[in-house]
């Protein structure tokens, strides 16, 4: 499959992983993060990786979010991976800190992932941002007048910890891969 080879090349190109790395994989249950976890699991033995799935329920979407949490737990269990699921009240965090919902959700999510990384002793946190997300980010930052920094978009590797193995893979390639492999995912109605 073209997507798998492309992801391996991206991982090598940006030196995202070292043999023996512990990796916390942020999994929402959507197509991007499901593919990310599936691909890293396929590379696990070859690269000596230790994977931990981490899922955060933001406490916003009620029953749909609970469904996503159950899906991620089953998905991780099906691959024999440990899974940490947590729920946090992002709306309260948003009010307490006078943040937009999107900004609050991002801050809470990154804090959660970093906390799990520390608890399991992992070297990296893998996120499912893809090439389409990258293009959208650049466009938004450009419209906001972010200048040259904004034109750079999301870095494939941030601070040597956050890695984005799908950053050069399109959403179409991701969905084609998942269909071909018969891999299920969930759809977030708020996206």
Protein backbone atom coordinates (compact mmCIF):
# COMPACT_ATOMS: atom_id res chain seq x y z
CA UNK A 1 0.00 0.00 0.00
CA UNK A 2 1.30 3.40 -0.96
CA UNK A 3 0.29 5.06 2.33
CA UNK A 4 2.27 2.62 4.49
CA UNK A 5 5.46 3.12 2.47
CA UNK A 6 4.96 6.86 2.52
CA UNK A 7 4.57 6.88 6.31
CA UNK A 8 7.70 4.78 6.80
CA UNK A 9 9.63 7.26 4.62
CA UNK A 10 8.27 10.20 6.62
CA UNK A 11 9.32 8.55 9.88
CA UNK A 12 12.83 7.98 8.50
CA UNK A 13 13.10 11.40 6.82
CA UNK A 14 12.42 13.27 10.07
CA UNK A 15 14.08 10.67 12.34
CA UNK A 16 10.89 10.40 14.35
CA UNK A 17 11.62 7.09 16.03
CA UNK A 18 14.60 5.33 17.50
CA UNK A 19 14.76 1.58 18.16
CA UNK A 20 13.32 0.86 21.58
CA UNK A 21 11.29 4.09 21.86
CA UNK A 22 8.23 4.13 24.05
CA UNK A 23 5.43 5.95 22.22
CA UNK A 24 2.15 7.32 23.53
CA UNK A 25 -0.26 7.24 20.59
CA UNK A 26 -3.08 9.78 20.80
CA UNK A 27 -6.15 7.99 19.45
CA UNK A 28 -9.50 9.74 19.10
CA UNK A 29 -11.08 6.87 17.19
CA UNK A 30 -11.24 8.84 13.94
CA UNK A 31 -9.58 7.65 10.71
CA UNK A 32 -6.29 9.53 11.14
CA UNK A 33 -5.48 8.35 14.64
CA UNK A 34 -6.74 4.82 13.98
CA UNK A 35 -4.45 4.52 10.97
CA UNK A 36 -1.55 6.01 12.94
CA UNK A 37 -1.98 3.44 15.69
CA UNK A 38 -2.39 0.58 13.21
CA UNK A 39 0.79 1.55 11.32
CA UNK A 40 2.86 2.02 14.49
CA UNK A 41 1.62 -1.34 15.74
CA UNK A 42 2.79 -2.93 12.47
CA UNK A 43 6.23 -1.36 13.02
CA UNK A 44 6.29 -2.21 16.75
CA UNK A 45 8.23 -5.49 16.64
CA UNK A 46 10.56 -4.47 13.81
CA UNK A 47 11.50 -1.22 15.56
CA UNK A 48 11.30 -2.48 19.14
CA UNK A 49 8.64 0.08 20.03
CA UNK A 50 6.53 0.05 23.17
CA UNK A 51 3.14 1.58 22.42
CA UNK A 52 0.53 2.98 24.80
CA UNK A 53 -2.80 4.18 23.42
CA UNK A 54 -4.14 7.35 25.05
CA UNK A 55 -7.69 8.64 24.55
CA UNK A 56 -9.16 11.78 26.06
CA UNK A 57 -12.90 12.33 26.33
CA UNK A 58 -13.25 16.12 26.47
CA UNK A 59 -16.59 15.90 28.29
CA UNK A 60 -18.39 17.80 25.53
CA UNK A 61 -20.22 15.34 23.24
CA UNK A 62 -22.03 13.12 25.77
CA UNK A 63 -23.06 9.69 24.51
CA UNK A 64 -21.13 10.05 21.25
CA UNK A 65 -17.90 10.72 23.16
CA UNK A 66 -18.55 7.72 25.43
CA UNK A 67 -19.02 5.60 22.29
CA UNK A 68 -15.65 6.85 20.98
CA UNK A 69 -13.96 5.95 24.28
CA UNK A 70 -15.37 2.40 24.17
CA UNK A 71 -14.32 2.06 20.53
CA UNK A 72 -10.72 3.10 21.31
CA UNK A 73 -10.54 0.69 24.26
CA UNK A 74 -11.73 -2.21 22.04
CA UNK A 75 -9.41 -1.17 19.21
CA UNK A 76 -6.36 -1.08 21.52
CA UNK A 77 -7.32 -4.36 23.20
CA UNK A 78 -7.66 -5.97 19.74
CA UNK A 79 -4.02 -5.10 19.06
CA UNK A 80 -2.88 -6.14 22.51
CA UNK A 81 -1.92 -2.58 23.45
CA UNK A 82 -2.36 -0.91 26.83
CA UNK A 83 -4.90 1.89 26.73
CA UNK A 84 -5.44 4.88 29.01
CA UNK A 85 -8.83 6.57 28.73
CA UNK A 86 -9.61 9.67 30.70
CA UNK A 87 -12.43 12.21 30.79
CA UNK A 88 -11.81 15.87 31.58
CA UNK A 89 -14.16 18.84 31.77
CA UNK A 90 -12.82 21.03 28.97
CA UNK A 91 -15.73 23.47 29.23
CA UNK A 92 -14.83 24.22 32.86
CA UNK A 93 -11.17 24.62 31.88
CA UNK A 94 -12.29 26.95 29.09
CA UNK A 95 -14.24 29.16 31.53
CA UNK A 96 -11.54 29.13 34.23
CA UNK A 97 -8.81 30.24 31.85
CA UNK A 98 -10.82 32.41 29.43
CA UNK A 99 -9.85 30.29 26.42
CA UNK A 100 -11.73 29.44 23.27
CA UNK A 101 -13.11 25.91 23.26
CA UNK A 102 -10.61 24.83 20.60
CA UNK A 103 -7.66 26.33 22.48
CA UNK A 104 -8.79 24.83 25.81
CA UNK A 105 -9.30 21.39 24.25
CA UNK A 106 -5.80 21.49 22.72
CA UNK A 107 -4.17 22.55 26.01
CA UNK A 108 -5.99 19.88 28.04
CA UNK A 109 -5.23 17.21 25.41
CA UNK A 110 -1.49 18.00 25.28
CA UNK A 111 -1.28 18.09 29.08
CA UNK A 112 -3.04 14.70 29.25
CA UNK A 113 -0.70 13.15 26.66
CA UNK A 114 2.38 14.55 28.37
CA UNK A 115 1.15 13.21 31.73
CA UNK A 116 0.71 9.73 30.26
CA UNK A 117 4.13 9.97 28.59
CA UNK A 118 5.70 10.69 31.98
CA UNK A 119 3.79 7.90 33.74
CA UNK A 120 4.78 5.21 31.23
CA UNK A 121 8.29 6.56 30.62
CA UNK A 122 7.76 7.04 26.88
CA UNK A 123 10.11 9.05 24.70
CA UNK A 124 7.53 10.23 22.15
CA UNK A 125 3.93 11.25 21.65
CA UNK A 126 2.52 10.37 18.21
CA UNK A 127 -0.34 12.42 16.77
CA UNK A 128 -2.43 11.76 13.67
CA UNK A 129 -2.16 15.13 11.92
CA UNK A 130 -2.09 14.57 8.16
CA UNK A 131 -1.19 16.54 5.02
CA UNK A 132 -4.73 17.94 4.73
CA UNK A 133 -4.57 19.19 8.34
CA UNK A 134 -1.22 20.77 7.52
CA UNK A 135 -2.62 22.63 4.50
CA UNK A 136 -5.60 23.82 6.55
CA UNK A 137 -3.32 25.04 9.35
CA UNK A 138 -1.11 26.98 6.96
CA UNK A 139 -4.17 28.59 5.36
CA UNK A 140 -5.66 29.58 8.73
CA UNK A 141 -2.37 31.04 9.96
CA UNK A 142 -1.90 32.88 6.67
CA UNK A 143 -5.38 34.39 6.95
CA UNK A 144 -4.58 35.46 10.52
CA UNK A 145 -1.44 37.21 9.28
CA UNK A 146 1.00 34.88 11.04
CA UNK A 147 3.81 35.64 8.59
CA UNK A 148 6.64 33.28 7.73
CA UNK A 149 6.31 31.25 10.92
CA UNK A 150 2.70 30.45 10.07
CA UNK A 151 3.64 29.41 6.55
CA UNK A 152 5.75 26.63 8.07
CA UNK A 153 2.66 24.96 9.53
CA UNK A 154 2.92 22.16 12.07
CA UNK A 155 6.41 20.73 12.44
CA UNK A 156 6.70 16.98 11.74
CA UNK A 157 8.66 16.73 15.02
CA UNK A 158 8.25 19.20 17.86
CA UNK A 159 10.78 19.42 20.70
CA UNK A 160 12.01 15.93 19.85
CA UNK A 161 8.88 14.53 21.56
CA UNK A 162 5.74 15.21 19.50
CA UNK A 163 5.83 13.28 16.21
CA UNK A 164 3.39 13.41 13.29
CA UNK A 165 4.07 10.35 11.09
CA UNK A 166 1.05 11.07 8.84
CA UNK A 167 2.02 14.68 8.11
CA UNK A 168 2.84 13.86 4.45
CA UNK A 169 -0.12 11.48 3.95
CA UNK A 170 -3.44 12.77 2.64
CA UNK A 171 -6.86 12.05 4.13
CA UNK A 172 -7.78 10.24 0.90
CA UNK A 173 -4.75 7.92 1.28
CA UNK A 174 -5.70 7.28 4.91
CA UNK A 175 -9.29 6.40 4.08
CA UNK A 176 -8.20 4.21 1.15
CA UNK A 177 -5.80 2.31 3.44
CA UNK A 178 -8.45 1.78 6.11
CA UNK A 179 -11.04 0.57 3.57
CA UNK A 180 -8.55 -1.80 1.94
CA UNK A 181 -7.61 -3.27 5.33
CA UNK A 182 -11.21 -3.35 6.59
CA UNK A 183 -10.28 -1.26 9.63
CA UNK A 184 -13.18 0.42 11.44
CA UNK A 185 -13.14 3.94 12.87
CA UNK A 186 -15.65 6.37 14.34
CA UNK A 187 -16.86 9.70 13.00
CA UNK A 188 -17.01 12.75 15.28
CA UNK A 189 -20.11 14.80 14.43
CA UNK A 190 -18.40 17.98 15.69
CA UNK A 191 -15.64 17.75 13.06
